[in-house]
Amino acid sequence: MFGIEQLIDFMEKKFGISVELNAVGEETVHLYHDELEEDLISEDMLKILPNPVSLHTYIYNEESEWIIGIALQAKTNNPLFLVCLKDGERVYEQLLTEGENENDFTT
């Protein structure tokens, strides 16, 4: 799973943002495809993801509002997809394939 330490490392390496641990909120929900907004996960990605999907989100507000979402297999919690929104706009997405481990998030 993509944990808080991976989030901090990912944000620093990918966006040059130093995230403070105590400033991050997180939540996990199970959602059906019709409950997901296209701003969060594109229609092309929905075709690949199981229905329902678990979505673990991290929220970080400093100068901008960042929402980092990890789509997980609902039954196994295997990470499938990573998406980053900055001020409501998708700025990064990555399909996570089988065989990747949590260290792959930080590259």
PDB file of N, CA and C in Angstrom:
ATOM      1  N   MET A   1       0.843  -1.184   0.000  1.00  0.00           N
ATOM      2  CA  MET A   1       0.000   0.000   0.000  1.00  0.00           C
ATOM      3  C   MET A   1       0.888   1.246   0.000  1.00  0.00           C
ATOM      4  N   PHE A   2       0.386   2.300  -0.513  1.00  0.00           N
ATOM      5  CA  PHE A   2       1.059   3.594  -0.585  1.00  0.00           C
ATOM      6  C   PHE A   2       0.795   4.300   0.746  1.00  0.00           C
ATOM      7  N   GLY A   3       1.785   4.306   1.643  1.00  0.00           N
ATOM      8  CA  GLY A   3       1.621   4.892   2.961  1.00  0.00           C
ATOM      9  C   GLY A   3       2.072   6.336   3.019  1.00  0.00           C
ATOM     10  N   ILE A   4       1.955   6.905   4.190  1.00  0.00           N
ATOM     11  CA  ILE A   4       2.271   8.316   4.388  1.00  0.00           C
ATOM     12  C   ILE A   4       3.737   8.625   4.087  1.00  0.00           C
ATOM     13  N   GLU A   5       4.628   7.720   4.440  1.00  0.00           N
ATOM     14  CA  GLU A   5       6.049   7.946   4.152  1.00  0.00           C
ATOM     15  C   GLU A   5       6.307   7.966   2.649  1.00  0.00           C
ATOM     16  N   GLN A   6       5.633   7.083   1.907  1.00  0.00           N
ATOM     17  CA  GLN A   6       5.766   7.074   0.443  1.00  0.00           C
ATOM     18  C   GLN A   6       5.189   8.363  -0.142  1.00  0.00           C
ATOM     19  N   LEU A   7       4.088   8.852   0.441  1.00  0.00           N
ATOM     20  CA  LEU A   7       3.493  10.108  -0.020  1.00  0.00           C
ATOM     21  C   LEU A   7       4.482  11.262   0.136  1.00  0.00           C
ATOM     22  N   ILE A   8       5.092  11.363   1.291  1.00  0.00           N
ATOM     23  CA  ILE A   8       6.042  12.449   1.547  1.00  0.00           C
ATOM     24  C   ILE A   8       7.210  12.380   0.565  1.00  0.00           C
ATOM     25  N   ASP A   9       7.742  11.188   0.360  1.00  0.00           N
ATOM     26  CA  ASP A   9       8.850  10.999  -0.572  1.00  0.00           C
ATOM     27  C   ASP A   9       8.426  11.303  -2.011  1.00  0.00           C
ATOM     28  N   PHE A  10       7.259  10.816  -2.405  1.00  0.00           N
ATOM     29  CA  PHE A  10       6.731  11.029  -3.755  1.00  0.00           C
ATOM     30  C   PHE A  10       6.545  12.517  -4.048  1.00  0.00           C
ATOM     31  N   MET A  11       5.926  13.250  -3.126  1.00  0.00           N
ATOM     32  CA  MET A  11       5.663  14.683  -3.343  1.00  0.00           C
ATOM     33  C   MET A  11       6.960  15.479  -3.444  1.00  0.00           C
ATOM     34  N   GLU A  12       7.954  15.100  -2.671  1.00  0.00           N
ATOM     35  CA  GLU A  12       9.243  15.787  -2.724  1.00  0.00           C
ATOM     36  C   GLU A  12       9.937  15.528  -4.061  1.00  0.00           C
ATOM     37  N   LYS A  13       9.983  14.267  -4.470  1.00  0.00           N
ATOM     38  CA  LYS A  13      10.687  13.920  -5.705  1.00  0.00           C
ATOM     39  C   LYS A  13       9.929  14.359  -6.960  1.00  0.00           C
ATOM     40  N   LYS A  14       8.628  14.198  -6.980  1.00  0.00           N
ATOM     41  CA  LYS A  14       7.857  14.475  -8.196  1.00  0.00           C
ATOM     42  C   LYS A  14       7.544  15.967  -8.367  1.00  0.00           C
ATOM     43  N   PHE A  15       7.210  16.638  -7.263  1.00  0.00           N
ATOM     44  CA  PHE A  15       6.744  18.023  -7.362  1.00  0.00           C
ATOM     45  C   PHE A  15       7.606  19.024  -6.590  1.00  0.00           C
ATOM     46  N   GLY A  16       8.633  18.550  -5.876  1.00  0.00           N
ATOM     47  CA  GLY A  16       9.490  19.450  -5.108  1.00  0.00           C
ATOM     48  C   GLY A  16       8.786  20.073  -3.919  1.00  0.00           C
ATOM     49  N   ILE A  17       7.807  19.372  -3.359  1.00  0.00           N
ATOM     50  CA  ILE A  17       7.021  19.894  -2.246  1.00  0.00           C
ATOM     51  C   ILE A  17       7.358  19.122  -0.976  1.00  0.00           C
ATOM     52  N   SER A  18       7.731  19.846   0.067  1.00  0.00           N
ATOM     53  CA  SER A  18       7.995  19.230   1.367  1.00  0.00           C
ATOM     54  C   SER A  18       6.685  19.167   2.140  1.00  0.00           C
ATOM     55  N   VAL A  19       6.182  17.974   2.306  1.00  0.00           N
ATOM     56  CA  VAL A  19       4.912  17.755   2.987  1.00  0.00           C
ATOM     57  C   VAL A  19       5.182  17.508   4.465  1.00  0.00           C
ATOM     58  N   GLU A  20       4.450  18.223   5.320  1.00  0.00           N
ATOM     59  CA  GLU A  20       4.551  18.020   6.757  1.00  0.00           C
ATOM     60  C   GLU A  20       3.559  16.948   7.175  1.00  0.00           C
ATOM     61  N   LEU A  21       4.043  15.959   7.896  1.00  0.00           N
ATOM     62  CA  LEU A  21       3.251  14.805   8.292  1.00  0.00           C
ATOM     63  C   LEU A  21       1.941  15.194   8.977  1.00  0.00           C
ATOM     64  N   ASN A  22       1.995  16.149   9.893  1.00  0.00           N
ATOM     65  CA  ASN A  22       0.801  16.520  10.659  1.00  0.00           C
ATOM     66  C   ASN A  22      -0.181  17.373   9.863  1.00  0.00           C
ATOM     67  N   ALA A  23       0.139  17.708   8.623  1.00  0.00           N
ATOM     68  CA  ALA A  23      -0.745  18.528   7.785  1.00  0.00           C
ATOM     69  C   ALA A  23      -1.475  17.704   6.732  1.00  0.00           C
ATOM     70  N   VAL A  24      -1.378  16.376   6.814  1.00  0.00           N
ATOM     71  CA  VAL A  24      -1.990  15.490   5.824  1.00  0.00           C
ATOM     72  C   VAL A  24      -3.217  14.818   6.420  1.00  0.00           C
ATOM     73  N   GLY A  25      -4.318  14.884   5.669  1.00  0.00           N
ATOM     74  CA  GLY A  25      -5.513  14.136   6.032  1.00  0.00           C
ATOM     75  C   GLY A  25      -5.624  12.937   5.112  1.00  0.00           C
ATOM     76  N   GLU A  26      -6.297  11.893   5.576  1.00  0.00           N
ATOM     77  CA  GLU A  26      -6.454  10.722   4.717  1.00  0.00           C
ATOM     78  C   GLU A  26      -7.781  10.033   4.988  1.00  0.00           C
ATOM     79  N   GLU A  27      -8.250   9.326   3.951  1.00  0.00           N
ATOM     80  CA  GLU A  27      -9.533   8.645   4.023  1.00  0.00           C
ATOM     81  C   GLU A  27      -9.555   7.534   2.970  1.00  0.00           C
ATOM     82  N   THR A  28     -10.239   6.443   3.271  1.00  0.00           N
ATOM     83  CA  THR A  28     -10.432   5.372   2.302  1.00  0.00           C
ATOM     84  C   THR A  28     -11.923   5.110   2.158  1.00  0.00           C
ATOM     85  N   VAL A  29     -12.378   5.030   0.907  1.00  0.00           N
ATOM     86  CA  VAL A  29     -13.782   4.734   0.622  1.00  0.00           C
ATOM     87  C   VAL A  29     -13.855   3.697  -0.495  1.00  0.00           C
ATOM     88  N   HIS A  30     -14.928   2.919  -0.494  1.00  0.00           N
ATOM     89  CA  HIS A  30     -15.211   1.994  -1.592  1.00  0.00           C
ATOM     90  C   HIS A  30     -16.234   2.676  -2.492  1.00  0.00           C
ATOM     91  N   LEU A  31     -15.918   2.788  -3.776  1.00  0.00           N
ATOM     92  CA  LEU A  31     -16.798   3.484  -4.710  1.00  0.00           C
ATOM     93  C   LEU A  31     -17.042   2.640  -5.954  1.00  0.00           C
ATOM     94  N   TYR A  32     -18.259   2.746  -6.462  1.00  0.00           N
ATOM     95  CA  TYR A  32     -18.588   2.166  -7.759  1.00  0.00           C
ATOM     96  C   TYR A  32     -18.211   3.178  -8.832  1.00  0.00           C
ATOM     97  N   HIS A  33     -17.993   2.702 -10.034  1.00  0.00           N
ATOM     98  CA  HIS A  33     -17.556   3.586 -11.120  1.00  0.00           C
ATOM     99  C   HIS A  33     -18.476   4.783 -11.314  1.00  0.00           C
ATOM    100  N   ASP A  34     -19.782   4.590 -11.192  1.00  0.00           N
ATOM    101  CA  ASP A  34     -20.697   5.707 -11.412  1.00  0.00           C
ATOM    102  C   ASP A  34     -20.622   6.765 -10.307  1.00  0.00           C
ATOM    103  N   GLU A  35     -19.909   6.454  -9.229  1.00  0.00           N
ATOM    104  CA  GLU A  35     -19.722   7.415  -8.143  1.00  0.00           C
ATOM    105  C   GLU A  35     -18.424   8.211  -8.284  1.00  0.00           C
ATOM    106  N   LEU A  36     -17.571   7.823  -9.220  1.00  0.00           N
ATOM    107  CA  LEU A  36     -16.288   8.495  -9.420  1.00  0.00           C
ATOM    108  C   LEU A  36     -16.419   9.618 -10.435  1.00  0.00           C
ATOM    109  N   GLU A  37     -15.842  10.747 -10.122  1.00  0.00           N
ATOM    110  CA  GLU A  37     -15.859  11.878 -11.043  1.00  0.00           C
ATOM    111  C   GLU A  37     -14.763  11.716 -12.081  1.00  0.00           C
ATOM    112  N   GLU A  38     -15.037  12.114 -13.316  1.00  0.00           N
ATOM    113  CA  GLU A  38     -14.051  12.001 -14.383  1.00  0.00           C
ATOM    114  C   GLU A  38     -12.839  12.890 -14.125  1.00  0.00           C
ATOM    115  N   ASP A  39     -13.002  13.951 -13.311  1.00  0.00           N
ATOM    116  CA  ASP A  39     -11.860  14.797 -12.947  1.00  0.00           C
ATOM    117  C   ASP A  39     -10.831  14.000 -12.149  1.00  0.00           C
ATOM    118  N   LEU A  40     -11.308  13.029 -11.397  1.00  0.00           N
ATOM    119  CA  LEU A  40     -10.425  12.231 -10.565  1.00  0.00           C
ATOM    120  C   LEU A  40      -9.807  11.078 -11.342  1.00  0.00           C
ATOM    121  N   ILE A  41     -10.634  10.278 -11.972  1.00  0.00           N
ATOM    122  CA  ILE A  41     -10.151   9.122 -12.733  1.00  0.00           C
ATOM    123  C   ILE A  41     -10.783   9.166 -14.114  1.00  0.00           C
ATOM    124  N   SER A  42      -9.946   9.184 -15.138  1.00  0.00           N
ATOM    125  CA  SER A  42     -10.433   9.300 -16.509  1.00  0.00           C
ATOM    126  C   SER A  42     -11.231   8.064 -16.927  1.00  0.00           C
ATOM    127  N   GLU A  43     -12.041   8.228 -17.941  1.00  0.00           N
ATOM    128  CA  GLU A  43     -12.857   7.132 -18.459  1.00  0.00           C
ATOM    129  C   GLU A  43     -11.985   5.963 -18.922  1.00  0.00           C
ATOM    130  N   ASP A  44     -10.835   6.262 -19.511  1.00  0.00           N
ATOM    131  CA  ASP A  44      -9.914   5.204 -19.952  1.00  0.00           C
ATOM    132  C   ASP A  44      -9.423   4.368 -18.773  1.00  0.00           C
ATOM    133  N   MET A  45      -9.131   5.012 -17.660  1.00  0.00           N
ATOM    134  CA  MET A  45      -8.674   4.288 -16.479  1.00  0.00           C
ATOM    135  C   MET A  45      -9.804   3.487 -15.850  1.00  0.00           C
ATOM    136  N   LEU A  46     -11.013   4.020 -15.890  1.00  0.00           N
ATOM    137  CA  LEU A  46     -12.158   3.294 -15.327  1.00  0.00           C
ATOM    138  C   LEU A  46     -12.350   1.945 -16.008  1.00  0.00           C
ATOM    139  N   LYS A  47     -12.055   1.881 -17.294  1.00  0.00           N
ATOM    140  CA  LYS A  47     -12.206   0.632 -18.036  1.00  0.00           C
ATOM    141  C   LYS A  47     -11.287  -0.451 -17.489  1.00  0.00           C
ATOM    142  N   ILE A  48     -10.170  -0.054 -16.887  1.00  0.00           N
ATOM    143  CA  ILE A  48      -9.173  -0.989 -16.376  1.00  0.00           C
ATOM    144  C   ILE A  48      -9.454  -1.367 -14.922  1.00  0.00           C
ATOM    145  N   LEU A  49     -10.033  -0.460 -14.160  1.00  0.00           N
ATOM    146  CA  LEU A  49     -10.218  -0.660 -12.725  1.00  0.00           C
ATOM    147  C   LEU A  49     -11.414  -1.552 -12.419  1.00  0.00           C
ATOM    148  N   PRO A  50     -11.325  -2.326 -11.326  1.00  0.00           N
ATOM    149  CA  PRO A  50     -12.461  -3.156 -10.914  1.00  0.00           C
ATOM    150  C   PRO A  50     -13.606  -2.280 -10.421  1.00  0.00           C
ATOM    151  N   ASN A  51     -14.782  -2.840 -10.361  1.00  0.00           N
ATOM    152  CA  ASN A  51     -15.967  -2.125  -9.899  1.00  0.00           C
ATOM    153  C   ASN A  51     -16.643  -2.973  -8.822  1.00  0.00           C
ATOM    154  N   PRO A  52     -16.590  -2.575  -7.548  1.00  0.00           N
ATOM    155  CA  PRO A  52     -16.123  -1.295  -7.014  1.00  0.00           C
ATOM    156  C   PRO A  52     -14.602  -1.279  -6.836  1.00  0.00           C
ATOM    157  N   VAL A  53     -14.128  -0.092  -6.538  1.00  0.00           N
ATOM    158  CA  VAL A  53     -12.708   0.112  -6.276  1.00  0.00           C
ATOM    159  C   VAL A  53     -12.588   0.843  -4.936  1.00  0.00           C
ATOM    160  N   SER A  54     -11.537   0.514  -4.197  1.00  0.00           N
ATOM    161  CA  SER A  54     -11.230   1.268  -2.977  1.00  0.00           C
ATOM    162  C   SER A  54     -10.386   2.459  -3.394  1.00  0.00           C
ATOM    163  N   LEU A  55     -10.685   3.609  -2.846  1.00  0.00           N
ATOM    164  CA  LEU A  55      -9.910   4.804  -3.151  1.00  0.00           C
ATOM    165  C   LEU A  55      -9.392   5.381  -1.845  1.00  0.00           C
ATOM    166  N   HIS A  56      -8.074   5.348  -1.707  1.00  0.00           N
ATOM    167  CA  HIS A  56      -7.428   5.923  -0.529  1.00  0.00           C
ATOM    168  C   HIS A  56      -6.916   7.299  -0.933  1.00  0.00           C
ATOM    169  N   THR A  57      -7.350   8.328  -0.236  1.00  0.00           N
ATOM    170  CA  THR A  57      -6.948   9.682  -0.595  1.00  0.00           C
ATOM    171  C   THR A  57      -6.173  10.347   0.535  1.00  0.00           C
ATOM    172  N   TYR A  58      -5.189  11.118   0.115  1.00  0.00           N
ATOM    173  CA  TYR A  58      -4.435  11.987   1.010  1.00  0.00           C
ATOM    174  C   TYR A  58      -4.736  13.417   0.572  1.00  0.00           C
ATOM    175  N   ILE A  59      -4.970  14.282   1.536  1.00  0.00           N
ATOM    176  CA  ILE A  59      -5.247  15.690   1.240  1.00  0.00           C
ATOM    177  C   ILE A  59      -4.208  16.536   1.966  1.00  0.00           C
ATOM    178  N   TYR A  60      -3.589  17.427   1.202  1.00  0.00           N
ATOM    179  CA  TYR A  60      -2.571  18.307   1.750  1.00  0.00           C
ATOM    180  C   TYR A  60      -2.841  19.715   1.243  1.00  0.00           C
ATOM    181  N   ASN A  61      -3.015  20.656   2.165  1.00  0.00           N
ATOM    182  CA  ASN A  61      -3.231  22.066   1.832  1.00  0.00           C
ATOM    183  C   ASN A  61      -2.085  22.890   2.361  1.00  0.00           C
ATOM    184  N   GLU A  62      -1.455  23.608   1.469  1.00  0.00           N
ATOM    185  CA  GLU A  62      -0.505  24.615   1.901  1.00  0.00           C
ATOM    186  C   GLU A  62      -0.748  25.806   0.987  1.00  0.00           C
ATOM    187  N   GLU A  63       0.070  26.014  -0.018  1.00  0.00           N
ATOM    188  CA  GLU A  63      -0.203  27.076  -0.983  1.00  0.00           C
ATOM    189  C   GLU A  63      -1.267  26.636  -1.971  1.00  0.00           C
ATOM    190  N   SER A  64      -1.348  25.350  -2.206  1.00  0.00           N
ATOM    191  CA  SER A  64      -2.351  24.763  -3.091  1.00  0.00           C
ATOM    192  C   SER A  64      -2.987  23.585  -2.384  1.00  0.00           C
ATOM    193  N   GLU A  65      -4.179  23.205  -2.849  1.00  0.00           N
ATOM    194  CA  GLU A  65      -4.822  22.007  -2.316  1.00  0.00           C
ATOM    195  C   GLU A  65      -4.399  20.820  -3.170  1.00  0.00           C
ATOM    196  N   TRP A  66      -3.788  19.837  -2.555  1.00  0.00           N
ATOM    197  CA  TRP A  66      -3.360  18.618  -3.227  1.00  0.00           C
ATOM    198  C   TRP A  66      -4.221  17.462  -2.756  1.00  0.00           C
ATOM    199  N   ILE A  67      -4.713  16.698  -3.696  1.00  0.00           N
ATOM    200  CA  ILE A  67      -5.398  15.448  -3.392  1.00  0.00           C
ATOM    201  C   ILE A  67      -4.668  14.353  -4.155  1.00  0.00           C
ATOM    202  N   ILE A  68      -4.156  13.400  -3.420  1.00  0.00           N
ATOM    203  CA  ILE A  68      -3.443  12.281  -4.023  1.00  0.00           C
ATOM    204  C   ILE A  68      -4.301  11.050  -3.766  1.00  0.00           C
ATOM    205  N   GLY A  69      -4.734  10.411  -4.832  1.00  0.00           N
ATOM    206  CA  GLY A  69      -5.606   9.249  -4.709  1.00  0.00           C
ATOM    207  C   GLY A  69      -4.914   7.991  -5.192  1.00  0.00           C
ATOM    208  N   ILE A  70      -5.096   6.930  -4.436  1.00  0.00           N
ATOM    209  CA  ILE A  70      -4.582   5.623  -4.808  1.00  0.00           C
ATOM    210  C   ILE A  70      -5.788   4.703  -4.945  1.00  0.00           C
ATOM    211  N   ALA A  71      -6.027   4.227  -6.172  1.00  0.00           N
ATOM    212  CA  ALA A  71      -7.085   3.250  -6.391  1.00  0.00           C
ATOM    213  C   ALA A  71      -6.533   1.883  -6.033  1.00  0.00           C
ATOM    214  N   LEU A  72      -7.284   1.166  -5.205  1.00  0.00           N
ATOM    215  CA  LEU A  72      -6.857  -0.142  -4.711  1.00  0.00           C
ATOM    216  C   LEU A  72      -7.871  -1.211  -5.088  1.00  0.00           C
ATOM    217  N   GLN A  73      -7.395  -2.410  -5.325  1.00  0.00           N
ATOM    218  CA  GLN A  73      -8.283  -3.546  -5.503  1.00  0.00           C
ATOM    219  C   GLN A  73      -9.077  -3.683  -4.200  1.00  0.00           C
ATOM    220  N   ALA A  74     -10.408  -3.653  -4.276  1.00  0.00           N
ATOM    221  CA  ALA A  74     -11.237  -3.629  -3.077  1.00  0.00           C
ATOM    222  C   ALA A  74     -11.010  -4.829  -2.164  1.00  0.00           C
ATOM    223  N   LYS A  75     -10.769  -5.995  -2.725  1.00  0.00           N
ATOM    224  CA  LYS A  75     -10.624  -7.199  -1.903  1.00  0.00           C
ATOM    225  C   LYS A  75      -9.210  -7.400  -1.369  1.00  0.00           C
ATOM    226  N   THR A  76      -8.194  -6.964  -2.104  1.00  0.00           N
ATOM    227  CA  THR A  76      -6.808  -7.256  -1.727  1.00  0.00           C
ATOM    228  C   THR A  76      -6.011  -6.033  -1.285  1.00  0.00           C
ATOM    229  N   ASN A  77      -6.498  -4.841  -1.556  1.00  0.00           N
ATOM    230  CA  ASN A  77      -5.784  -3.579  -1.293  1.00  0.00           C
ATOM    231  C   ASN A  77      -4.517  -3.419  -2.116  1.00  0.00           C
ATOM    232  N   ASN A  78      -4.382  -4.173  -3.204  1.00  0.00           N
ATOM    233  CA  ASN A  78      -3.246  -3.974  -4.109  1.00  0.00           C
ATOM    234  C   ASN A  78      -3.422  -2.647  -4.838  1.00  0.00           C
ATOM    235  N   PRO A  79      -2.371  -1.796  -4.869  1.00  0.00           N
ATOM    236  CA  PRO A  79      -2.482  -0.510  -5.571  1.00  0.00           C
ATOM    237  C   PRO A  79      -2.578  -0.723  -7.074  1.00  0.00           C
ATOM    238  N   LEU A  80      -3.508   0.004  -7.711  1.00  0.00           N
ATOM    239  CA  LEU A  80      -3.759  -0.128  -9.143  1.00  0.00           C
ATOM    240  C   LEU A  80      -3.463   1.146  -9.922  1.00  0.00           C
ATOM    241  N   PHE A  81      -3.686   2.291  -9.303  1.00  0.00           N
ATOM    242  CA  PHE A  81      -3.660   3.554 -10.028  1.00  0.00           C
ATOM    243  C   PHE A  81      -3.371   4.676  -9.047  1.00  0.00           C
ATOM    244  N   LEU A  82      -2.557   5.640  -9.477  1.00  0.00           N
ATOM    245  CA  LEU A  82      -2.246   6.810  -8.667  1.00  0.00           C
ATOM    246  C   LEU A  82      -2.646   8.053  -9.442  1.00  0.00           C
ATOM    247  N   VAL A  83      -3.307   8.988  -8.781  1.00  0.00           N
ATOM    248  CA  VAL A  83      -3.697  10.240  -9.417  1.00  0.00           C
ATOM    249  C   VAL A  83      -3.427  11.389  -8.456  1.00  0.00           C
ATOM    250  N   CYS A  84      -2.978  12.528  -8.996  1.00  0.00           N
ATOM    251  CA  CYS A  84      -2.729  13.726  -8.201  1.00  0.00           C
ATOM    252  C   CYS A  84      -3.540  14.882  -8.772  1.00  0.00           C
ATOM    253  N   LEU A  85      -4.266  15.543  -7.898  1.00  0.00           N
ATOM    254  CA  LEU A  85      -4.998  16.749  -8.265  1.00  0.00           C
ATOM    255  C   LEU A  85      -4.384  17.924  -7.522  1.00  0.00           C
ATOM    256  N   LYS A  86      -4.196  19.000  -8.245  1.00  0.00           N
ATOM    257  CA  LYS A  86      -3.717  20.244  -7.645  1.00  0.00           C
ATOM    258  C   LYS A  86      -4.775  21.289  -7.910  1.00  0.00           C
ATOM    259  N   ASP A  87      -5.347  21.818  -6.834  1.00  0.00           N
ATOM    260  CA  ASP A  87      -6.427  22.806  -6.941  1.00  0.00           C
ATOM    261  C   ASP A  87      -7.544  22.309  -7.870  1.00  0.00           C
ATOM    262  N   GLY A  88      -7.875  21.028  -7.742  1.00  0.00           N
ATOM    263  CA  GLY A  88      -8.995  20.448  -8.481  1.00  0.00           C
ATOM    264  C   GLY A  88      -8.683  19.981  -9.890  1.00  0.00           C
ATOM    265  N   GLU A  89      -7.460  20.179 -10.368  1.00  0.00           N
ATOM    266  CA  GLU A  89      -7.102  19.751 -11.722  1.00  0.00           C
ATOM    267  C   GLU A  89      -6.100  18.604 -11.667  1.00  0.00           C
ATOM    268  N   ARG A  90      -6.351  17.588 -12.495  1.00  0.00           N
ATOM    269  CA  ARG A  90      -5.453  16.439 -12.542  1.00  0.00           C
ATOM    270  C   ARG A  90      -4.116  16.864 -13.149  1.00  0.00           C
ATOM    271  N   VAL A  91      -3.035  16.667 -12.383  1.00  0.00           N
ATOM    272  CA  VAL A  91      -1.702  17.051 -12.840  1.00  0.00           C
ATOM    273  C   VAL A  91      -0.796  15.846 -13.041  1.00  0.00           C
ATOM    274  N   TYR A  92      -1.232  14.677 -12.565  1.00  0.00           N
ATOM    275  CA  TYR A  92      -0.402  13.479 -12.705  1.00  0.00           C
ATOM    276  C   TYR A  92      -1.278  12.251 -12.515  1.00  0.00           C
ATOM    277  N   GLU A  93      -1.017  11.238 -13.327  1.00  0.00           N
ATOM    278  CA  GLU A  93      -1.656   9.944 -13.100  1.00  0.00           C
ATOM    279  C   GLU A  93      -0.692   8.855 -13.558  1.00  0.00           C
ATOM    280  N   GLN A  94      -0.789   7.712 -12.894  1.00  0.00           N
ATOM    281  CA  GLN A  94       0.101   6.600 -13.209  1.00  0.00           C
ATOM    282  C   GLN A  94      -0.654   5.301 -12.985  1.00  0.00           C
ATOM    283  N   LEU A  95      -0.676   4.475 -14.001  1.00  0.00           N
ATOM    284  CA  LEU A  95      -1.221   3.138 -13.878  1.00  0.00           C
ATOM    285  C   LEU A  95      -0.164   2.288 -13.203  1.00  0.00           C
ATOM    286  N   LEU A  96      -0.552   1.585 -12.173  1.00  0.00           N
ATOM    287  CA  LEU A  96       0.377   0.747 -11.424  1.00  0.00           C
ATOM    288  C   LEU A  96       0.128  -0.695 -11.827  1.00  0.00           C
ATOM    289  N   THR A  97       1.134  -1.338 -12.372  1.00  0.00           N
ATOM    290  CA  THR A  97       0.977  -2.696 -12.868  1.00  0.00           C
ATOM    291  C   THR A  97       1.350  -3.704 -11.804  1.00  0.00           C
ATOM    292  N   GLU A  98       0.896  -4.929 -12.002  1.00  0.00           N
ATOM    293  CA  GLU A  98       1.242  -5.998 -11.081  1.00  0.00           C
ATOM    294  C   GLU A  98       2.752  -6.163 -11.059  1.00  0.00           C
ATOM    295  N   GLY A  99       3.266  -6.488  -9.878  1.00  0.00           N
ATOM    296  CA  GLY A  99       4.697  -6.691  -9.745  1.00  0.00           C
ATOM    297  C   GLY A  99       5.430  -5.454  -9.257  1.00  0.00           C
ATOM    298  N   GLU A 100       4.761  -4.294  -9.313  1.00  0.00           N
ATOM    299  CA  GLU A 100       5.396  -3.097  -8.770  1.00  0.00           C
ATOM    300  C   GLU A 100       5.287  -3.144  -7.255  1.00  0.00           C
ATOM    301  N   ASN A 101       6.255  -2.602  -6.584  1.00  0.00           N
ATOM    302  CA  ASN A 101       6.165  -2.531  -5.129  1.00  0.00           C
ATOM    303  C   ASN A 101       6.121  -1.081  -4.717  1.00  0.00           C
ATOM    304  N   GLU A 102       5.990  -0.856  -3.405  1.00  0.00           N
ATOM    305  CA  GLU A 102       5.812   0.509  -2.930  1.00  0.00           C
ATOM    306  C   GLU A 102       6.983   1.413  -3.256  1.00  0.00           C
ATOM    307  N   ASN A 103       8.182   0.869  -3.433  1.00  0.00           N
ATOM    308  CA  ASN A 103       9.320   1.706  -3.798  1.00  0.00           C
ATOM    309  C   ASN A 103       9.169   2.291  -5.199  1.00  0.00           C
ATOM    310  N   ASP A 104       8.385   1.653  -6.054  1.00  0.00           N
ATOM    311  CA  ASP A 104       8.187   2.164  -7.390  1.00  0.00           C
ATOM    312  C   ASP A 104       7.427   3.486  -7.408  1.00  0.00           C
ATOM    313  N   PHE A 105       6.701   3.796  -6.353  1.00  0.00           N
ATOM    314  CA  PHE A 105       5.962   5.057  -6.306  1.00  0.00           C
ATOM    315  C   PHE A 105       6.890   6.245  -6.209  1.00  0.00           C
ATOM    316  N   THR A 106       8.094   6.026  -5.735  1.00  0.00           N
ATOM    317  CA  THR A 106       8.974   7.152  -5.433  1.00  0.00           C
ATOM    318  C   THR A 106       9.915   7.470  -6.576  1.00  0.00           C
ATOM    319  N   THR A 107       9.775   6.823  -7.725  1.00  0.00           N
ATOM    320  CA  THR A 107      10.693   7.095  -8.827  1.00  0.00           C
ATOM    321  C   THR A 107      10.155   8.160  -9.742  1.00  0.00           C
TER     322      THR A 107
END
